[in-house]
PDB file of N, CA and C in Angstrom:
ATOM      1  N   UNK A   1    -141.089 133.167-134.736  1.00  0.00           N
ATOM      2  CA  UNK A   1    -139.913 132.861-133.938  1.00  0.00           C
ATOM      3  C   UNK A   1    -140.357 132.591-132.497  1.00  0.00           C
ATOM      4  N   UNK A   2    -139.992 131.430-132.008  1.00  0.00           N
ATOM      5  CA  UNK A   2    -140.341 131.067-130.636  1.00  0.00           C
ATOM      6  C   UNK A   2    -139.711 132.059-129.667  1.00  0.00           C
ATOM      7  N   UNK A   3    -140.470 132.437-128.659  1.00  0.00           N
ATOM      8  CA  UNK A   3    -139.943 133.317-127.620  1.00  0.00           C
ATOM      9  C   UNK A   3    -140.018 132.625-126.271  1.00  0.00           C
ATOM     10  N   UNK A   4    -138.980 132.781-125.498  1.00  0.00           N
ATOM     11  CA  UNK A   4    -138.929 132.281-124.127  1.00  0.00           C
ATOM     12  C   UNK A   4    -138.722 133.481-123.221  1.00  0.00           C
ATOM     13  N   UNK A   5    -139.643 133.652-122.287  1.00  0.00           N
ATOM     14  CA  UNK A   5    -139.563 134.800-121.389  1.00  0.00           C
ATOM     15  C   UNK A   5    -139.406 134.295-119.970  1.00  0.00           C
ATOM     16  N   UNK A   6    -138.286 134.669-119.349  1.00  0.00           N
ATOM     17  CA  UNK A   6    -137.999 134.260-117.976  1.00  0.00           C
ATOM     18  C   UNK A   6    -138.447 135.345-117.019  1.00  0.00           C
ATOM     19  N   UNK A   7    -138.777 134.928-115.806  1.00  0.00           N
ATOM     20  CA  UNK A   7    -139.044 135.877-114.731  1.00  0.00           C
ATOM     21  C   UNK A   7    -138.551 135.295-113.433  1.00  0.00           C
ATOM     22  N   UNK A   8    -138.299 136.190-112.487  1.00  0.00           N
ATOM     23  CA  UNK A   8    -137.732 135.793-111.198  1.00  0.00           C
ATOM     24  C   UNK A   8    -136.269 136.177-111.149  1.00  0.00           C
ATOM     25  N   UNK A   9    -135.619 135.810-110.101  1.00  0.00           N
ATOM     26  CA  UNK A   9    -134.207 136.132-109.935  1.00  0.00           C
ATOM     27  C   UNK A   9    -133.999 137.418-109.169  1.00  0.00           C
ATOM     28  N   UNK A  10    -132.785 137.953-109.296  1.00  0.00           N
ATOM     29  CA  UNK A  10    -132.421 139.156-108.553  1.00  0.00           C
ATOM     30  C   UNK A  10    -131.439 138.828-107.449  1.00  0.00           C
ATOM     31  N   UNK A  11    -131.450 139.667-106.419  1.00  0.00           N
ATOM     32  CA  UNK A  11    -130.553 139.476-105.275  1.00  0.00           C
ATOM     33  C   UNK A  11    -131.222 138.559-104.256  1.00  0.00           C
ATOM     34  N   UNK A  12    -130.525 137.478-103.923  1.00  0.00           N
ATOM     35  CA  UNK A  12    -131.069 136.473-103.019  1.00  0.00           C
ATOM     36  C   UNK A  12    -130.135 136.296-101.834  1.00  0.00           C
ATOM     37  N   UNK A  13    -130.719 135.887-100.709  1.00  0.00           N
ATOM     38  CA  UNK A  13    -129.951 135.626 -99.504  1.00  0.00           C
ATOM     39  C   UNK A  13    -129.430 134.190 -99.488  1.00  0.00           C
ATOM     40  N   UNK A  14    -128.230 133.967 -99.003  1.00  0.00           N
ATOM     41  CA  UNK A  14    -127.772 132.590 -98.806  1.00  0.00           C
ATOM     42  C   UNK A  14    -128.759 131.827 -97.933  1.00  0.00           C
ATOM     43  N   UNK A  15    -129.021 130.590 -98.339  1.00  0.00           N
ATOM     44  CA  UNK A  15    -129.993 129.789 -97.615  1.00  0.00           C
ATOM     45  C   UNK A  15    -131.421 129.998 -98.063  1.00  0.00           C
ATOM     46  N   UNK A  16    -131.645 130.967 -98.910  1.00  0.00           N
ATOM     47  CA  UNK A  16    -132.989 131.256 -99.390  1.00  0.00           C
ATOM     48  C   UNK A  16    -133.405 130.361-100.535  1.00  0.00           C
ATOM     49  N   UNK A  17    -134.573 130.663-101.101  1.00  0.00           N
ATOM     50  CA  UNK A  17    -135.139 129.882-102.199  1.00  0.00           C
ATOM     51  C   UNK A  17    -135.333 130.755-103.423  1.00  0.00           C
ATOM     52  N   UNK A  18    -134.845 130.241-104.535  1.00  0.00           N
ATOM     53  CA  UNK A  18    -134.996 130.919-105.822  1.00  0.00           C
ATOM     54  C   UNK A  18    -136.159 130.307-106.578  1.00  0.00           C
ATOM     55  N   UNK A  19    -136.965 131.166-107.152  1.00  0.00           N
ATOM     56  CA  UNK A  19    -138.065 130.701-108.003  1.00  0.00           C
ATOM     57  C   UNK A  19    -138.000 131.419-109.351  1.00  0.00           C
ATOM     58  N   UNK A  20    -137.838 130.631-110.396  1.00  0.00           N
ATOM     59  CA  UNK A  20    -137.797 131.166-111.750  1.00  0.00           C
ATOM     60  C   UNK A  20    -138.916 130.540-112.570  1.00  0.00           C
ATOM     61  N   UNK A  21    -139.433 131.305-113.508  1.00  0.00           N
ATOM     62  CA  UNK A  21    -140.425 130.759-114.426  1.00  0.00           C
ATOM     63  C   UNK A  21    -140.034 131.116-115.858  1.00  0.00           C
ATOM     64  N   UNK A  22    -140.489 130.302-116.781  1.00  0.00           N
ATOM     65  CA  UNK A  22    -140.201 130.516-118.196  1.00  0.00           C
ATOM     66  C   UNK A  22    -141.442 130.146-118.996  1.00  0.00           C
ATOM     67  N   UNK A  23    -141.893 131.087-119.821  1.00  0.00           N
ATOM     68  CA  UNK A  23    -143.057 130.867-120.662  1.00  0.00           C
ATOM     69  C   UNK A  23    -142.633 130.881-122.121  1.00  0.00           C
ATOM     70  N   UNK A  24    -143.034 129.846-122.836  1.00  0.00           N
ATOM     71  CA  UNK A  24    -142.755 129.773-124.273  1.00  0.00           C
ATOM     72  C   UNK A  24    -143.969 130.265-125.041  1.00  0.00           C
ATOM     73  N   UNK A  25    -143.719 131.094-126.055  1.00  0.00           N
ATOM     74  CA  UNK A  25    -144.811 131.617-126.868  1.00  0.00           C
ATOM     75  C   UNK A  25    -144.417 131.605-128.348  1.00  0.00           C
ATOM     76  N   UNK A  26    -145.387 131.916-129.173  1.00  0.00           N
ATOM     77  CA  UNK A  26    -145.211 131.923-130.626  1.00  0.00           C
ATOM     78  C   UNK A  26    -144.777 130.552-131.129  1.00  0.00           C
ATOM     79  N   UNK A  27    -145.361 129.523-130.508  1.00  0.00           N
ATOM     80  CA  UNK A  27    -145.050 128.155-130.902  1.00  0.00           C
ATOM     81  C   UNK A  27    -145.874 127.771-132.121  1.00  0.00           C
ATOM     82  N   UNK A  28    -145.226 127.148-133.084  1.00  0.00           N
ATOM     83  CA  UNK A  28    -145.924 126.655-134.265  1.00  0.00           C
ATOM     84  C   UNK A  28    -145.831 125.137-134.366  1.00  0.00           C
ATOM     85  N   UNK A  29    -145.135 124.511-133.416  1.00  0.00           N
ATOM     86  CA  UNK A  29    -145.044 123.056-133.375  1.00  0.00           C
ATOM     87  C   UNK A  29    -144.795 122.628-131.930  1.00  0.00           C
ATOM     88  N   UNK A  30    -144.629 121.335-131.748  1.00  0.00           N
ATOM     89  CA  UNK A  30    -144.579 120.766-130.397  1.00  0.00           C
ATOM     90  C   UNK A  30    -143.366 121.236-129.609  1.00  0.00           C
ATOM     91  N   UNK A  31    -143.622 121.458-128.328  1.00  0.00           N
ATOM     92  CA  UNK A  31    -142.565 121.828-127.394  1.00  0.00           C
ATOM     93  C   UNK A  31    -142.059 120.554-126.736  1.00  0.00           C
ATOM     94  N   UNK A  32    -140.802 120.303-126.847  1.00  0.00           N
ATOM     95  CA  UNK A  32    -140.224 119.074-126.286  1.00  0.00           C
ATOM     96  C   UNK A  32    -139.533 119.400-124.960  1.00  0.00           C
ATOM     97  N   UNK A  33    -138.248 119.251-124.916  1.00  0.00           N
ATOM     98  CA  UNK A  33    -137.516 119.498-123.677  1.00  0.00           C
ATOM     99  C   UNK A  33    -137.550 120.984-123.318  1.00  0.00           C
ATOM    100  N   UNK A  34    -137.761 121.251-122.037  1.00  0.00           N
ATOM    101  CA  UNK A  34    -137.538 122.584-121.481  1.00  0.00           C
ATOM    102  C   UNK A  34    -136.461 122.440-120.407  1.00  0.00           C
ATOM    103  N   UNK A  35    -135.620 123.424-120.323  1.00  0.00           N
ATOM    104  CA  UNK A  35    -134.475 123.292-119.416  1.00  0.00           C
ATOM    105  C   UNK A  35    -134.033 124.652-118.904  1.00  0.00           C
ATOM    106  N   UNK A  36    -133.247 124.609-117.843  1.00  0.00           N
ATOM    107  CA  UNK A  36    -132.576 125.789-117.304  1.00  0.00           C
ATOM    108  C   UNK A  36    -131.077 125.547-117.337  1.00  0.00           C
ATOM    109  N   UNK A  37    -130.364 126.535-117.814  1.00  0.00           N
ATOM    110  CA  UNK A  37    -128.913 126.561-117.792  1.00  0.00           C
ATOM    111  C   UNK A  37    -128.485 127.792-117.000  1.00  0.00           C
ATOM    112  N   UNK A  38    -127.238 127.811-116.607  1.00  0.00           N
ATOM    113  CA  UNK A  38    -126.704 129.005-115.952  1.00  0.00           C
ATOM    114  C   UNK A  38    -125.251 129.215-116.358  1.00  0.00           C
ATOM    115  N   UNK A  39    -124.856 130.470-116.290  1.00  0.00           N
ATOM    116  CA  UNK A  39    -123.489 130.820-116.637  1.00  0.00           C
ATOM    117  C   UNK A  39    -122.964 131.829-115.636  1.00  0.00           C
ATOM    118  N   UNK A  40    -121.957 131.398-114.896  1.00  0.00           N
ATOM    119  CA  UNK A  40    -121.307 132.272-113.930  1.00  0.00           C
ATOM    120  C   UNK A  40    -120.184 133.034-114.626  1.00  0.00           C
ATOM    121  N   UNK A  41    -119.780 134.171-114.077  1.00  0.00           N
ATOM    122  CA  UNK A  41    -118.700 134.950-114.694  1.00  0.00           C
ATOM    123  C   UNK A  41    -117.442 134.121-114.896  1.00  0.00           C
ATOM    124  N   UNK A  42    -116.915 134.146-116.115  1.00  0.00           N
ATOM    125  CA  UNK A  42    -115.684 133.439-116.406  1.00  0.00           C
ATOM    126  C   UNK A  42    -115.826 131.939-116.578  1.00  0.00           C
ATOM    127  N   UNK A  43    -117.070 131.455-116.548  1.00  0.00           N
ATOM    128  CA  UNK A  43    -117.289 130.010-116.670  1.00  0.00           C
ATOM    129  C   UNK A  43    -118.182 129.699-117.861  1.00  0.00           C
ATOM    130  N   UNK A  44    -118.174 128.448-118.261  1.00  0.00           N
ATOM    131  CA  UNK A  44    -119.026 128.012-119.361  1.00  0.00           C
ATOM    132  C   UNK A  44    -120.470 127.850-118.886  1.00  0.00           C
ATOM    133  N   UNK A  45    -121.387 127.981-119.826  1.00  0.00           N
ATOM    134  CA  UNK A  45    -122.785 127.741-119.504  1.00  0.00           C
ATOM    135  C   UNK A  45    -122.960 126.267-119.166  1.00  0.00           C
ATOM    136  N   UNK A  46    -123.728 125.998-118.110  1.00  0.00           N
ATOM    137  CA  UNK A  46    -123.922 124.627-117.671  1.00  0.00           C
ATOM    138  C   UNK A  46    -125.392 124.333-117.436  1.00  0.00           C
ATOM    139  N   UNK A  47    -125.750 123.076-117.614  1.00  0.00           N
ATOM    140  CA  UNK A  47    -127.108 122.650-117.377  1.00  0.00           C
ATOM    141  C   UNK A  47    -127.411 122.643-115.888  1.00  0.00           C
ATOM    142  N   UNK A  48    -128.577 123.169-115.526  1.00  0.00           N
ATOM    143  CA  UNK A  48    -129.059 123.094-114.153  1.00  0.00           C
ATOM    144  C   UNK A  48    -130.056 121.941-114.030  1.00  0.00           C
ATOM    145  N   UNK A  49    -131.044 121.948-114.904  1.00  0.00           N
ATOM    146  CA  UNK A  49    -132.064 120.909-114.878  1.00  0.00           C
ATOM    147  C   UNK A  49    -132.823 120.938-116.198  1.00  0.00           C
ATOM    148  N   UNK A  50    -133.406 119.784-116.541  1.00  0.00           N
ATOM    149  CA  UNK A  50    -134.186 119.705-117.769  1.00  0.00           C
ATOM    150  C   UNK A  50    -135.369 118.780-117.519  1.00  0.00           C
ATOM    151  N   UNK A  51    -136.444 119.007-118.275  1.00  0.00           N
ATOM    152  CA  UNK A  51    -137.639 118.186-118.125  1.00  0.00           C
ATOM    153  C   UNK A  51    -138.224 117.904-119.498  1.00  0.00           C
ATOM    154  N   UNK A  52    -138.613 116.648-119.710  1.00  0.00           N
ATOM    155  CA  UNK A  52    -139.227 116.258-120.977  1.00  0.00           C
ATOM    156  C   UNK A  52    -140.713 116.615-120.967  1.00  0.00           C
ATOM    157  N   UNK A  53    -141.349 116.444-122.104  1.00  0.00           N
ATOM    158  CA  UNK A  53    -142.764 116.784-122.212  1.00  0.00           C
ATOM    159  C   UNK A  53    -143.640 115.856-121.374  1.00  0.00           C
ATOM    160  N   UNK A  54    -143.138 114.673-121.025  1.00  0.00           N
ATOM    161  CA  UNK A  54    -143.915 113.768-120.173  1.00  0.00           C
ATOM    162  C   UNK A  54    -143.487 113.853-118.715  1.00  0.00           C
ATOM    163  N   UNK A  55    -142.702 114.877-118.390  1.00  0.00           N
ATOM    164  CA  UNK A  55    -142.429 115.188-116.992  1.00  0.00           C
ATOM    165  C   UNK A  55    -141.198 114.560-116.375  1.00  0.00           C
ATOM    166  N   UNK A  56    -140.400 113.895-117.139  1.00  0.00           N
ATOM    167  CA  UNK A  56    -139.170 113.314-116.583  1.00  0.00           C
ATOM    168  C   UNK A  56    -138.114 114.397-116.433  1.00  0.00           C
ATOM    169  N   UNK A  57    -137.662 114.568-115.208  1.00  0.00           N
ATOM    170  CA  UNK A  57    -136.703 115.633-114.913  1.00  0.00           C
ATOM    171  C   UNK A  57    -135.327 115.065-114.602  1.00  0.00           C
ATOM    172  N   UNK A  58    -134.323 115.828-114.967  1.00  0.00           N
ATOM    173  CA  UNK A  58    -132.930 115.478-114.692  1.00  0.00           C
ATOM    174  C   UNK A  58    -132.260 116.705-114.096  1.00  0.00           C
ATOM    175  N   UNK A  59    -131.432 116.495-113.082  1.00  0.00           N
ATOM    176  CA  UNK A  59    -130.794 117.602-112.377  1.00  0.00           C
ATOM    177  C   UNK A  59    -129.282 117.467-112.394  1.00  0.00           C
ATOM    178  N   UNK A  60    -128.609 118.588-112.463  1.00  0.00           N
ATOM    179  CA  UNK A  60    -127.163 118.594-112.320  1.00  0.00           C
ATOM    180  C   UNK A  60    -126.799 118.208-110.886  1.00  0.00           C
ATOM    181  N   UNK A  61    -125.643 117.605-110.723  1.00  0.00           N
ATOM    182  CA  UNK A  61    -125.205 117.192-109.391  1.00  0.00           C
ATOM    183  C   UNK A  61    -125.138 118.374-108.432  1.00  0.00           C
ATOM    184  N   UNK A  62    -124.805 119.541-108.955  1.00  0.00           N
ATOM    185  CA  UNK A  62    -124.636 120.711-108.106  1.00  0.00           C
ATOM    186  C   UNK A  62    -125.935 121.189-107.471  1.00  0.00           C
ATOM    187  N   UNK A  63    -127.081 120.784-108.020  1.00  0.00           N
ATOM    188  CA  UNK A  63    -128.362 121.228-107.475  1.00  0.00           C
ATOM    189  C   UNK A  63    -129.248 120.062-107.054  1.00  0.00           C
ATOM    190  N   UNK A  64    -128.796 118.846-107.285  1.00  0.00           N
ATOM    191  CA  UNK A  64    -129.598 117.673-106.969  1.00  0.00           C
ATOM    192  C   UNK A  64    -129.910 117.636-105.482  1.00  0.00           C
ATOM    193  N   UNK A  65    -131.162 117.389-105.168  1.00  0.00           N
ATOM    194  CA  UNK A  65    -131.578 117.311-103.780  1.00  0.00           C
ATOM    195  C   UNK A  65    -132.070 118.637-103.212  1.00  0.00           C
ATOM    196  N   UNK A  66    -131.806 119.733-103.890  1.00  0.00           N
ATOM    197  CA  UNK A  66    -132.289 121.026-103.420  1.00  0.00           C
ATOM    198  C   UNK A  66    -132.983 121.804-104.541  1.00  0.00           C
ATOM    199  N   UNK A  67    -133.338 121.107-105.603  1.00  0.00           N
ATOM    200  CA  UNK A  67    -133.962 121.764-106.743  1.00  0.00           C
ATOM    201  C   UNK A  67    -135.180 120.984-107.203  1.00  0.00           C
ATOM    202  N   UNK A  68    -136.195 121.715-107.669  1.00  0.00           N
ATOM    203  CA  UNK A  68    -137.388 121.105-108.244  1.00  0.00           C
ATOM    204  C   UNK A  68    -137.722 121.812-109.552  1.00  0.00           C
ATOM    205  N   UNK A  69    -137.861 121.024-110.592  1.00  0.00           N
ATOM    206  CA  UNK A  69    -138.243 121.554-111.900  1.00  0.00           C
ATOM    207  C   UNK A  69    -139.605 121.002-112.262  1.00  0.00           C
ATOM    208  N   UNK A  70    -140.548 121.884-112.531  1.00  0.00           N
ATOM    209  CA  UNK A  70    -141.893 121.444-112.885  1.00  0.00           C
ATOM    210  C   UNK A  70    -142.302 122.088-114.201  1.00  0.00           C
ATOM    211  N   UNK A  71    -143.405 121.560-114.734  1.00  0.00           N
ATOM    212  CA  UNK A  71    -143.793 121.988-116.085  1.00  0.00           C
ATOM    213  C   UNK A  71    -145.296 121.845-116.248  1.00  0.00           C
ATOM    214  N   UNK A  72    -145.887 122.790-116.961  1.00  0.00           N
ATOM    215  CA  UNK A  72    -147.301 122.741-117.324  1.00  0.00           C
ATOM    216  C   UNK A  72    -147.379 122.819-118.843  1.00  0.00           C
ATOM    217  N   UNK A  73    -147.673 121.707-119.477  1.00  0.00           N
ATOM    218  CA  UNK A  73    -147.699 121.672-120.947  1.00  0.00           C
ATOM    219  C   UNK A  73    -148.813 122.547-121.519  1.00  0.00           C
ATOM    220  N   UNK A  74    -149.908 122.646-120.809  1.00  0.00           N
ATOM    221  CA  UNK A  74    -151.012 123.469-121.283  1.00  0.00           C
ATOM    222  C   UNK A  74    -150.677 124.952-121.301  1.00  0.00           C
ATOM    223  N   UNK A  75    -149.764 125.349-120.423  1.00  0.00           N
ATOM    224  CA  UNK A  75    -149.356 126.752-120.328  1.00  0.00           C
ATOM    225  C   UNK A  75    -147.993 127.002-120.957  1.00  0.00           C
ATOM    226  N   UNK A  76    -147.383 125.929-121.494  1.00  0.00           N
ATOM    227  CA  UNK A  76    -146.031 126.066-122.083  1.00  0.00           C
ATOM    228  C   UNK A  76    -145.083 126.759-121.112  1.00  0.00           C
ATOM    229  N   UNK A  77    -145.147 126.353-119.870  1.00  0.00           N
ATOM    230  CA  UNK A  77    -144.400 127.022-118.813  1.00  0.00           C
ATOM    231  C   UNK A  77    -143.624 126.008-117.989  1.00  0.00           C
ATOM    232  N   UNK A  78    -142.451 126.421-117.561  1.00  0.00           N
ATOM    233  CA  UNK A  78    -141.683 125.614-116.632  1.00  0.00           C
ATOM    234  C   UNK A  78    -141.250 126.490-115.460  1.00  0.00           C
ATOM    235  N   UNK A  79    -141.152 125.884-114.288  1.00  0.00           N
ATOM    236  CA  UNK A  79    -140.745 126.585-113.073  1.00  0.00           C
ATOM    237  C   UNK A  79    -139.559 125.861-112.454  1.00  0.00           C
ATOM    238  N   UNK A  80    -138.593 126.637-112.014  1.00  0.00           N
ATOM    239  CA  UNK A  80    -137.440 126.094-111.309  1.00  0.00           C
ATOM    240  C   UNK A  80    -137.416 126.658-109.903  1.00  0.00           C
ATOM    241  N   UNK A  81    -137.337 125.764-108.931  1.00  0.00           N
ATOM    242  CA  UNK A  81    -137.115 126.183-107.547  1.00  0.00           C
ATOM    243  C   UNK A  81    -135.771 125.646-107.104  1.00  0.00           C
ATOM    244  N   UNK A  82    -134.997 126.502-106.496  1.00  0.00           N
ATOM    245  CA  UNK A  82    -133.684 126.118-105.990  1.00  0.00           C
ATOM    246  C   UNK A  82    -133.599 126.566-104.544  1.00  0.00           C
ATOM    247  N   UNK A  83    -133.490 125.597-103.649  1.00  0.00           N
ATOM    248  CA  UNK A  83    -133.495 125.869-102.201  1.00  0.00           C
ATOM    249  C   UNK A  83    -132.065 125.942-101.675  1.00  0.00           C
ATOM    250  N   UNK A  84    -131.966 126.429-100.439  1.00  0.00           N
ATOM    251  CA  UNK A  84    -130.673 126.483 -99.752  1.00  0.00           C
ATOM    252  C   UNK A  84    -129.607 127.123-100.653  1.00  0.00           C
ATOM    253  N   UNK A  85    -129.912 128.308-101.120  1.00  0.00           N
ATOM    254  CA  UNK A  85    -129.025 128.981-102.062  1.00  0.00           C
ATOM    255  C   UNK A  85    -127.638 129.209-101.481  1.00  0.00           C
ATOM    256  N   UNK A  86    -126.651 129.103-102.372  1.00  0.00           N
ATOM    257  CA  UNK A  86    -125.262 129.302-102.007  1.00  0.00           C
ATOM    258  C   UNK A  86    -124.659 130.388-102.895  1.00  0.00           C
ATOM    259  N   UNK A  87    -123.606 131.038-102.451  1.00  0.00           N
ATOM    260  CA  UNK A  87    -122.977 132.058-103.306  1.00  0.00           C
ATOM    261  C   UNK A  87    -122.581 131.505-104.673  1.00  0.00           C
ATOM    262  N   UNK A  88    -122.211 130.244-104.717  1.00  0.00           N
ATOM    263  CA  UNK A  88    -121.815 129.650-106.008  1.00  0.00           C
ATOM    264  C   UNK A  88    -122.986 129.418-106.956  1.00  0.00           C
ATOM    265  N   UNK A  89    -124.196 129.685-106.498  1.00  0.00           N
ATOM    266  CA  UNK A  89    -125.357 129.650-107.397  1.00  0.00           C
ATOM    267  C   UNK A  89    -125.492 130.959-108.180  1.00  0.00           C
ATOM    268  N   UNK A  90    -124.683 131.928-107.852  1.00  0.00           N
ATOM    269  CA  UNK A  90    -124.712 133.204-108.564  1.00  0.00           C
ATOM    270  C   UNK A  90    -124.358 132.999-110.035  1.00  0.00           C
ATOM    271  N   UNK A  91    -125.238 133.462-110.905  1.00  0.00           N
ATOM    272  CA  UNK A  91    -125.044 133.263-112.346  1.00  0.00           C
ATOM    273  C   UNK A  91    -126.194 133.933-113.095  1.00  0.00           C
ATOM    274  N   UNK A  92    -126.054 133.996-114.403  1.00  0.00           N
ATOM    275  CA  UNK A  92    -127.194 134.328-115.254  1.00  0.00           C
ATOM    276  C   UNK A  92    -127.877 133.005-115.607  1.00  0.00           C
ATOM    277  N   UNK A  93    -129.164 132.939-115.343  1.00  0.00           N
ATOM    278  CA  UNK A  93    -129.929 131.730-115.594  1.00  0.00           C
ATOM    279  C   UNK A  93    -130.711 131.903-116.904  1.00  0.00           C
ATOM    280  N   UNK A  94    -130.605 130.888-117.754  1.00  0.00           N
ATOM    281  CA  UNK A  94    -131.232 130.920-119.070  1.00  0.00           C
ATOM    282  C   UNK A  94    -132.236 129.779-119.216  1.00  0.00           C
ATOM    283  N   UNK A  95    -133.374 130.107-119.770  1.00  0.00           N
ATOM    284  CA  UNK A  95    -134.349 129.087-120.152  1.00  0.00           C
ATOM    285  C   UNK A  95    -134.005 128.600-121.553  1.00  0.00           C
ATOM    286  N   UNK A  96    -134.210 127.314-121.774  1.00  0.00           N
ATOM    287  CA  UNK A  96    -133.925 126.703-123.068  1.00  0.00           C
ATOM    288  C   UNK A  96    -135.071 125.757-123.407  1.00  0.00           C
ATOM    289  N   UNK A  97    -135.414 125.696-124.693  1.00  0.00           N
ATOM    290  CA  UNK A  97    -136.467 124.790-125.128  1.00  0.00           C
ATOM    291  C   UNK A  97    -136.143 124.231-126.504  1.00  0.00           C
ATOM    292  N   UNK A  98    -136.599 123.018-126.722  1.00  0.00           N
ATOM    293  CA  UNK A  98    -136.471 122.368-128.033  1.00  0.00           C
ATOM    294  C   UNK A  98    -137.869 122.225-128.624  1.00  0.00           C
ATOM    295  N   UNK A  99    -137.999 122.634-129.885  1.00  0.00           N
ATOM    296  CA  UNK A  99    -139.309 122.740-130.517  1.00  0.00           C
ATOM    297  C   UNK A  99    -139.310 122.029-131.859  1.00  0.00           C
ATOM    298  N   UNK A 100    -140.425 121.340-132.125  1.00  0.00           N
ATOM    299  CA  UNK A 100    -140.661 120.810-133.445  1.00  0.00           C
ATOM    300  C   UNK A 100    -139.963 119.505-133.747  1.00  0.00           C
ATOM    301  N   UNK A 101    -140.210 119.035-134.950  1.00  0.00           N
ATOM    302  CA  UNK A 101    -139.712 117.740-135.399  1.00  0.00           C
ATOM    303  C   UNK A 101    -138.187 117.652-135.308  1.00  0.00           C
ATOM    304  N   UNK A 102    -137.514 118.754-135.613  1.00  0.00           N
ATOM    305  CA  UNK A 102    -136.047 118.755-135.651  1.00  0.00           C
ATOM    306  C   UNK A 102    -135.431 119.254-134.347  1.00  0.00           C
ATOM    307  N   UNK A 103    -136.254 119.404-133.345  1.00  0.00           N
ATOM    308  CA  UNK A 103    -135.762 119.796-132.015  1.00  0.00           C
ATOM    309  C   UNK A 103    -134.918 121.080-132.074  1.00  0.00           C
ATOM    310  N   UNK A 104    -135.450 122.057-132.794  1.00  0.00           N
ATOM    311  CA  UNK A 104    -134.739 123.340-132.847  1.00  0.00           C
ATOM    312  C   UNK A 104    -134.626 123.927-131.443  1.00  0.00           C
ATOM    313  N   UNK A 105    -133.459 124.448-131.137  1.00  0.00           N
ATOM    314  CA  UNK A 105    -133.212 124.981-129.806  1.00  0.00           C
ATOM    315  C   UNK A 105    -133.386 126.490-129.735  1.00  0.00           C
ATOM    316  N   UNK A 106    -134.004 126.954-128.629  1.00  0.00           N
ATOM    317  CA  UNK A 106    -134.227 128.382-128.423  1.00  0.00           C
ATOM    318  C   UNK A 106    -133.815 128.752-127.002  1.00  0.00           C
ATOM    319  N   UNK A 107    -133.325 129.972-126.853  1.00  0.00           N
ATOM    320  CA  UNK A 107    -132.868 130.473-125.559  1.00  0.00           C
ATOM    321  C   UNK A 107    -133.670 131.703-125.152  1.00  0.00           C
ATOM    322  N   UNK A 108    -133.875 131.821-123.861  1.00  0.00           N
ATOM    323  CA  UNK A 108    -134.401 133.058-123.314  1.00  0.00           C
ATOM    324  C   UNK A 108    -133.295 134.085-123.192  1.00  0.00           C
ATOM    325  N   UNK A 109    -133.659 135.276-122.743  1.00  0.00           N
ATOM    326  CA  UNK A 109    -132.681 136.369-122.674  1.00  0.00           C
ATOM    327  C   UNK A 109    -131.793 136.276-121.439  1.00  0.00           C
ATOM    328  N   UNK A 110    -132.184 135.455-120.481  1.00  0.00           N
ATOM    329  CA  UNK A 110    -131.392 135.290-119.265  1.00  0.00           C
ATOM    330  C   UNK A 110    -131.854 136.204-118.153  1.00  0.00           C
ATOM    331  N   UNK A 111    -131.703 135.740-116.927  1.00  0.00           N
ATOM    332  CA  UNK A 111    -132.038 136.547-115.760  1.00  0.00           C
ATOM    333  C   UNK A 111    -130.923 136.386-114.725  1.00  0.00           C
ATOM    334  N   UNK A 112    -130.482 137.511-114.191  1.00  0.00           N
ATOM    335  CA  UNK A 112    -129.367 137.494-113.246  1.00  0.00           C
ATOM    336  C   UNK A 112    -129.844 137.050-111.867  1.00  0.00           C
ATOM    337  N   UNK A 113    -129.102 136.136-111.283  1.00  0.00           N
ATOM    338  CA  UNK A 113    -129.333 135.704-109.909  1.00  0.00           C
ATOM    339  C   UNK A 113    -128.033 135.916-109.139  1.00  0.00           C
ATOM    340  N   UNK A 114    -128.111 136.684-108.080  1.00  0.00           N
ATOM    341  CA  UNK A 114    -126.951 136.946-107.238  1.00  0.00           C
ATOM    342  C   UNK A 114    -127.277 136.507-105.828  1.00  0.00           C
ATOM    343  N   UNK A 115    -126.451 135.628-105.284  1.00  0.00           N
ATOM    344  CA  UNK A 115    -126.640 135.133-103.922  1.00  0.00           C
ATOM    345  C   UNK A 115    -125.564 135.759-103.046  1.00  0.00           C
ATOM    346  N   UNK A 116    -126.000 136.639-102.183  1.00  0.00           N
ATOM    347  CA  UNK A 116    -125.048 137.375-101.352  1.00  0.00           C
ATOM    348  C   UNK A 116    -125.765 137.925-100.133  1.00  0.00           C
ATOM    349  N   UNK A 117    -125.036 137.975 -99.026  1.00  0.00           N
ATOM    350  CA  UNK A 117    -125.587 138.581 -97.826  1.00  0.00           C
ATOM    351  C   UNK A 117    -125.236 140.063 -97.764  1.00  0.00           C
TER     352      UNK A 117
END
């Protein structure tokens, strides 16, 4: 069973920078898309950013221009940086990956990010 382990997050200051990482392990086939989603209280889970195996990244409008998503295929790892944090960035952030021929989807356990002074 593929495992995704997130790290980073916690209590952040408005205007600060968030750095999250996600490592995929127990892979038995190719890792395709890696992505970050977030879910704020009372809201649906939403895409933050996603990156293909060849490095093409896509960002949600809410983070475009202040976010960078990078990936190391050799380490099966992706990193999300989110600058100029706002209170509305408060959410549980989840790593997501698609694996194998059928693009099976897997989720990490989530990491809480709270932006507050």
